[in-house]
Amino acid sequence: MNQYLIKYIRDDMPDDYVGSSIKWSRTKNDAVKLILKKLPDPQGVCVFKRGGTGKIISIEQIEQT
C-alpha cells in the first residue's frame, strides 16, 4: 500500500483555500475515489463525498522511510 497526499480546492470555500487529505491505497485513482462520489468530469470538476464541488490540484505519493 502507498500513501498519497491529495490537494484540492472547493467551490464552497474562500478563493485562497487549499484543502489536503492523506489516503492509503494501491493506486492514485483508488486514493481519489476515497474522497469523491465519482471521478472528475472532463473539465476537472468533481463532487466530494461530504458534499460540494471543486477540483483536484495534485496527487503526490509520499515516500515512506
Protein backbone atom coordinates (compact mmCIF):
# COMPACT_ATOMS: atom_id res chain seq x y z
CA MET A 1 0.00 0.00 0.00
CA ASN A 2 1.13 3.52 -0.78
CA GLN A 3 0.37 6.80 0.94
CA TYR A 4 -0.90 9.71 -1.21
CA LEU A 5 -1.29 13.43 -0.49
CA ILE A 6 -4.27 14.86 -2.40
CA LYS A 7 -4.59 18.66 -2.67
CA TYR A 8 -7.85 20.20 -3.84
CA ILE A 9 -9.92 23.38 -3.97
CA ARG A 10 -13.61 23.58 -3.11
CA ASP A 11 -16.19 25.91 -4.61
CA ASP A 12 -17.95 26.41 -1.26
CA MET A 13 -14.80 27.73 0.49
CA PRO A 14 -12.90 31.05 0.13
CA ASP A 15 -10.80 31.52 -3.03
CA ASP A 16 -7.45 31.12 -1.24
CA TYR A 17 -8.44 27.83 0.47
CA VAL A 18 -6.47 24.71 -0.49
CA GLY A 19 -7.57 21.51 1.21
CA SER A 20 -5.47 18.40 1.59
CA SER A 21 -6.08 14.80 2.51
CA ILE A 22 -3.73 11.87 3.07
CA LYS A 23 -5.02 8.47 2.00
CA TRP A 24 -3.60 4.94 1.87
CA SER A 25 -4.31 2.97 -1.32
CA ARG A 26 -2.72 0.87 -4.03
CA THR A 27 -3.01 3.45 -6.84
CA LYS A 28 -3.61 7.19 -7.32
CA ASN A 29 -7.09 6.57 -8.74
CA ASP A 30 -8.07 4.45 -5.74
CA ALA A 31 -6.90 7.23 -3.40
CA VAL A 32 -9.02 9.82 -5.25
CA LYS A 33 -12.06 7.54 -5.14
CA LEU A 34 -11.87 7.60 -1.33
CA ILE A 35 -12.73 11.33 -1.18
CA LEU A 36 -15.00 11.67 -4.25
CA LYS A 37 -18.50 10.42 -5.04
CA LYS A 38 -17.46 9.90 -8.68
CA LEU A 39 -14.37 10.55 -10.77
CA PRO A 40 -13.88 14.11 -12.13
CA ASP A 41 -15.59 15.04 -15.40
CA PRO A 42 -13.50 16.09 -18.46
CA GLN A 43 -13.38 19.72 -17.26
CA GLY A 44 -11.89 18.56 -13.93
CA VAL A 45 -14.94 19.34 -11.77
CA CYS A 46 -15.63 16.73 -9.11
CA VAL A 47 -18.22 16.09 -6.37
CA PHE A 48 -16.86 15.30 -2.90
CA LYS A 49 -18.36 12.64 -0.62
CA ARG A 50 -19.13 15.26 2.04
CA GLY A 51 -20.97 17.41 -0.49
CA GLY A 52 -19.85 20.33 -2.58
CA THR A 53 -17.88 20.60 -5.79
CA GLY A 54 -14.31 21.52 -6.57
CA LYS A 55 -11.16 20.44 -8.40
CA ILE A 56 -8.22 18.19 -7.62
CA ILE A 57 -4.98 20.21 -7.81
CA SER A 58 -2.39 17.48 -7.31
CA ILE A 59 -1.86 13.90 -6.17
CA GLU A 60 1.59 13.08 -4.77
CA GLN A 61 2.90 9.80 -3.47
CA ILE A 62 4.51 10.19 -0.04
CA GLU A 63 7.79 8.31 0.29
CA GLN A 64 7.96 6.10 3.35
CA THR A 65 11.12 5.87 5.41
